Protein backbone atom coordinates (compact mmCIF):
# COMPACT_ATOMS: atom_id res chain seq x y z
CA MET A 1 8.67 154.68 203.76
CA GLY A 2 7.68 154.67 200.09
CA THR A 3 7.59 157.72 197.82
CA ALA A 4 3.79 157.99 197.91
CA GLN A 5 3.70 157.84 201.72
CA ARG A 6 6.44 160.44 202.00
CA ARG A 7 4.57 162.79 199.68
CA LEU A 8 1.39 162.38 201.69
CA ARG A 9 3.24 163.14 204.90
CA GLU A 10 4.91 166.18 203.38
CA ALA A 11 1.57 167.44 202.05
CA GLU A 12 -0.03 167.07 205.47
CA GLU A 13 2.87 168.85 207.15
CA ARG A 14 2.61 171.71 204.66
CA ARG A 15 -1.13 171.91 205.13
CA GLN A 16 -0.67 172.16 208.90
CA ALA A 17 2.01 174.83 208.42
CA ILE A 18 -0.49 176.83 206.37
CA LEU A 19 -3.12 176.52 209.10
CA ASP A 20 -0.61 177.60 211.75
CA ALA A 21 0.35 180.61 209.67
CA ALA A 22 -3.26 181.52 208.94
CA ARG A 23 -4.15 181.36 212.62
CA LYS A 24 -1.44 183.92 213.42
CA VAL A 25 -2.37 186.22 210.54
CA PHE A 26 -6.10 186.18 211.30
CA TRP A 27 -5.38 186.85 214.98
CA THR A 28 -3.10 189.79 214.11
CA HIS A 29 -5.02 191.38 211.24
CA GLY A 30 -8.60 190.15 211.67
CA PHE A 31 -10.60 188.38 209.00
CA ASP A 32 -11.08 191.43 206.76
CA GLY A 33 -7.49 192.61 207.13
CA ALA A 34 -5.87 189.25 206.45
CA THR A 35 -4.84 188.36 202.91
CA MET A 36 -3.74 185.16 201.23
CA PRO A 37 -0.32 186.65 200.33
CA GLN A 38 0.20 187.52 204.03
CA ILE A 39 -0.63 183.96 205.01
CA ALA A 40 1.64 182.56 202.30
CA GLY A 41 4.46 184.78 203.54
CA GLU A 42 3.97 183.64 207.15
CA ALA A 43 4.05 180.02 205.97
CA GLU A 44 7.12 180.75 203.79
CA LEU A 45 5.31 179.54 200.68
CA ALA A 46 4.56 181.02 197.31
CA PRO A 47 0.94 182.28 197.09
CA GLY A 48 0.29 179.83 194.27
CA THR A 49 1.24 176.93 196.53
CA LEU A 50 -1.23 178.16 199.15
CA TYR A 51 -4.10 177.93 196.66
CA LEU A 52 -3.27 174.30 195.96
CA TYR A 53 -4.37 173.53 199.52
CA PHE A 54 -7.09 176.12 200.16
CA PRO A 55 -9.06 177.86 197.40
CA SER A 56 -9.83 181.00 199.41
CA LYS A 57 -9.35 182.92 202.64
CA THR A 58 -12.84 181.88 203.70
CA ALA A 59 -12.01 178.19 203.21
CA LEU A 60 -8.94 178.62 205.39
CA TYR A 61 -10.90 180.35 208.12
CA VAL A 62 -13.59 177.68 208.11
CA GLU A 63 -10.95 174.99 208.46
CA LEU A 64 -9.50 176.82 211.46
CA LEU A 65 -12.97 177.08 213.00
CA PHE A 66 -13.49 173.34 212.70
CA GLU A 67 -10.05 172.65 214.14
CA GLY A 68 -10.65 175.08 217.00
CA TYR A 69 -14.01 173.55 217.84
CA ARG A 70 -12.48 170.08 217.78
CA ARG A 71 -9.77 171.07 220.23
CA PHE A 72 -12.23 172.92 222.44
CA GLU A 73 -14.55 169.92 222.53
CA GLU A 74 -11.64 167.63 223.41
CA ARG A 75 -10.66 169.95 226.25
CA LEU A 76 -14.17 170.10 227.72
CA SER A 77 -14.65 166.34 227.38
CA SER A 78 -11.34 165.68 229.10
CA VAL A 79 -11.96 167.90 232.12
CA VAL A 80 -15.45 166.46 232.65
CA ALA A 81 -14.21 162.87 232.39
CA SER A 82 -11.67 163.52 235.14
CA LYS A 83 -14.37 164.30 237.74
CA ASP A 84 -17.13 162.29 239.38
CA ARG A 85 -19.43 164.68 241.26
CA PRO A 86 -21.69 167.09 239.32
CA ARG A 87 -20.34 170.12 241.20
CA ASP A 88 -16.75 169.11 240.45
CA ARG A 89 -17.66 168.64 236.81
CA ALA A 90 -19.34 172.05 236.63
CA GLU A 91 -16.31 173.66 238.22
CA ALA A 92 -13.96 171.81 235.86
CA LEU A 93 -15.97 172.98 232.86
CA ILE A 94 -15.59 176.62 233.88
CA ASP A 95 -11.87 176.15 234.48
CA GLY A 96 -11.58 174.33 231.15
CA PHE A 97 -13.42 177.14 229.34
CA PHE A 98 -11.14 179.82 230.77
CA GLY A 99 -8.05 177.64 230.49
CA PHE A 100 -8.57 176.90 226.80
CA ALA A 101 -9.01 180.60 226.05
CA ARG A 102 -5.86 181.61 227.91
CA GLU A 103 -3.71 178.80 226.53
CA ASN A 104 -5.04 179.00 222.94
CA PRO A 105 -5.89 182.68 222.43
CA GLU A 106 -5.67 182.51 218.65
CA TYR A 107 -8.11 179.61 218.40
CA PHE A 108 -10.44 181.09 220.97
CA ASN A 109 -10.56 184.48 219.28
CA ILE A 110 -11.19 182.85 215.91
CA ILE A 111 -14.07 180.80 217.34
CA PHE A 112 -15.73 183.43 219.50
CA PHE A 113 -14.72 186.99 218.72
CA LEU A 114 -13.00 187.70 215.42
CA LEU A 115 -15.97 187.74 213.07
CA GLN A 116 -18.34 189.07 215.73
CA LYS A 117 -16.16 192.15 216.06
CA GLU A 118 -15.95 192.70 212.31
CA GLY A 119 -19.09 190.91 211.21
CA ARG A 120 -21.24 193.44 209.46
CA GLY A 121 -24.39 191.55 208.56
CA GLY A 122 -23.55 188.71 210.93
CA TRP A 123 -20.77 186.17 210.75
CA THR A 124 -22.96 183.54 209.11
CA ALA A 125 -23.22 185.76 206.03
CA ARG A 126 -19.53 185.07 205.37
CA PHE A 127 -19.88 181.34 204.73
CA PRO A 128 -21.95 179.00 202.56
CA ALA A 129 -25.04 177.61 204.30
CA GLU A 130 -23.66 174.07 204.40
CA GLN A 131 -20.52 175.24 206.19
CA VAL A 132 -22.57 177.29 208.66
CA LYS A 133 -24.64 174.19 209.40
CA GLY A 134 -21.49 172.17 210.04
CA LEU A 135 -20.03 174.86 212.31
CA ASP A 136 -23.28 175.09 214.25
CA GLY A 137 -23.03 171.35 214.77
CA ARG A 138 -19.52 171.66 216.18
CA MET A 139 -20.58 174.38 218.61
CA ALA A 140 -23.62 172.31 219.58
CA ALA A 141 -21.32 169.38 220.39
CA CYS A 142 -19.32 171.59 222.76
CA LYS A 143 -22.45 172.91 224.44
CA ALA A 144 -23.87 169.39 224.72
CA ILE A 145 -21.03 168.54 227.11
CA ALA A 146 -22.09 171.40 229.37
CA ALA A 147 -25.76 170.43 228.98
CA ARG A 148 -25.07 166.89 230.22
CA VAL A 149 -23.38 168.27 233.33
CA LEU A 150 -26.20 170.73 234.04
CA SER A 151 -28.76 167.96 233.53
CA GLN A 152 -27.07 166.11 236.37
CA VAL A 153 -27.23 169.23 238.53
CA HIS A 154 -30.89 169.91 237.63
CA PRO A 155 -32.44 166.54 236.73
CA GLY A 156 -35.96 167.99 236.85
CA ARG A 157 -35.33 170.59 234.16
CA THR A 158 -36.54 170.17 230.58
CA PRO A 159 -34.02 170.06 227.71
CA LYS A 160 -35.13 173.55 226.66
CA GLU A 161 -34.52 174.90 230.16
CA ILE A 162 -31.10 173.28 230.23
CA GLU A 163 -30.31 174.78 226.84
CA ARG A 164 -31.15 178.27 228.13
CA MET A 165 -28.98 177.70 231.20
CA VAL A 166 -26.05 176.63 229.04
CA ASP A 167 -26.46 179.68 226.80
CA ALA A 168 -26.59 181.99 229.85
CA VAL A 169 -23.44 180.53 231.41
CA TRP A 170 -21.67 180.41 228.03
CA SER A 171 -22.43 184.10 227.44
CA MET A 172 -21.22 185.15 230.89
CA LEU A 173 -17.92 183.30 230.55
CA SER A 174 -17.40 184.60 227.01
CA GLY A 175 -18.07 188.14 228.22
CA VAL A 176 -15.45 187.85 230.95
CA LEU A 177 -12.94 186.73 228.34
CA PHE A 178 -13.92 189.38 225.82
CA TYR A 179 -13.48 192.26 228.25
CA PHE A 180 -10.78 191.04 230.64
CA LYS A 181 -8.65 188.36 228.95
CA GLU A 182 -5.77 190.78 228.41
CA ASP A 183 -6.44 192.76 231.59
CA SER A 184 -4.46 192.47 234.81
CA LYS A 185 -7.76 191.96 236.61
CA PHE A 186 -8.61 188.81 234.66
CA ARG A 187 -7.84 186.27 237.37
CA ALA A 188 -9.87 188.11 239.98
CA VAL A 189 -12.81 188.69 237.64
CA ALA A 190 -12.74 185.08 236.38
CA LYS A 191 -12.67 183.79 239.96
CA GLU A 192 -15.69 185.93 240.87
CA ALA A 193 -17.55 184.88 237.71
CA LYS A 194 -16.90 181.23 238.55
CA ARG A 195 -18.19 181.75 242.09
CA LEU A 196 -21.36 183.46 240.87
CA VAL A 197 -22.07 180.82 238.23
CA LEU A 198 -21.59 177.92 240.64
CA GLU A 199 -23.63 179.66 243.35
CA GLY A 200 -26.47 180.27 240.93
CA LEU A 201 -26.40 176.76 239.53
CA PHE A 202 -26.35 174.96 242.84
CA GLN A 203 -28.66 177.25 244.80
CA GLY A 204 -31.34 176.51 242.21
CA ALA A 205 -30.69 172.78 242.09
CA ARG A 206 -33.55 170.57 243.02
């Protein structure tokens, strides 16, 4: 490996170490409570080095959002691809949603809850419009996977109706996670939520 390649690899490894550290700090302290020196300390870097990779705390958070959405989309795509029947796909999506949240709590909280809990004025006020547009696109890509499954379950529904169904299911599952993810009752509540969602979806299928 040449010198230039080695430097590129080292830079990428350091960048990933910064993202890993930032994820932990944001999860522990929230967006408002987190600071760049805290993140630098977690990554075992000088604060000045941190700024060579990310110009601000907001830039770091946005990068984590994009990374989280990418991983979430990959998870949903994978579970859907492993099933053939619409009902099995719908069930796998719910399991994938809950599974991702439980296995990747830091990413899931960053995507769904962190700014909503703190977000005075709305989370979109924290980021430039172009970044918000890009993040909306990543979330739309995740929801599009669910929309394709629900379109198979309800082929007679319009795209707008399917969109509302996806939003309703998405909100229910997010609510279960928000209130019960750390609770001993989570498994029982998640199981009941899954049953209710599937019952509602397939009773209304035509």
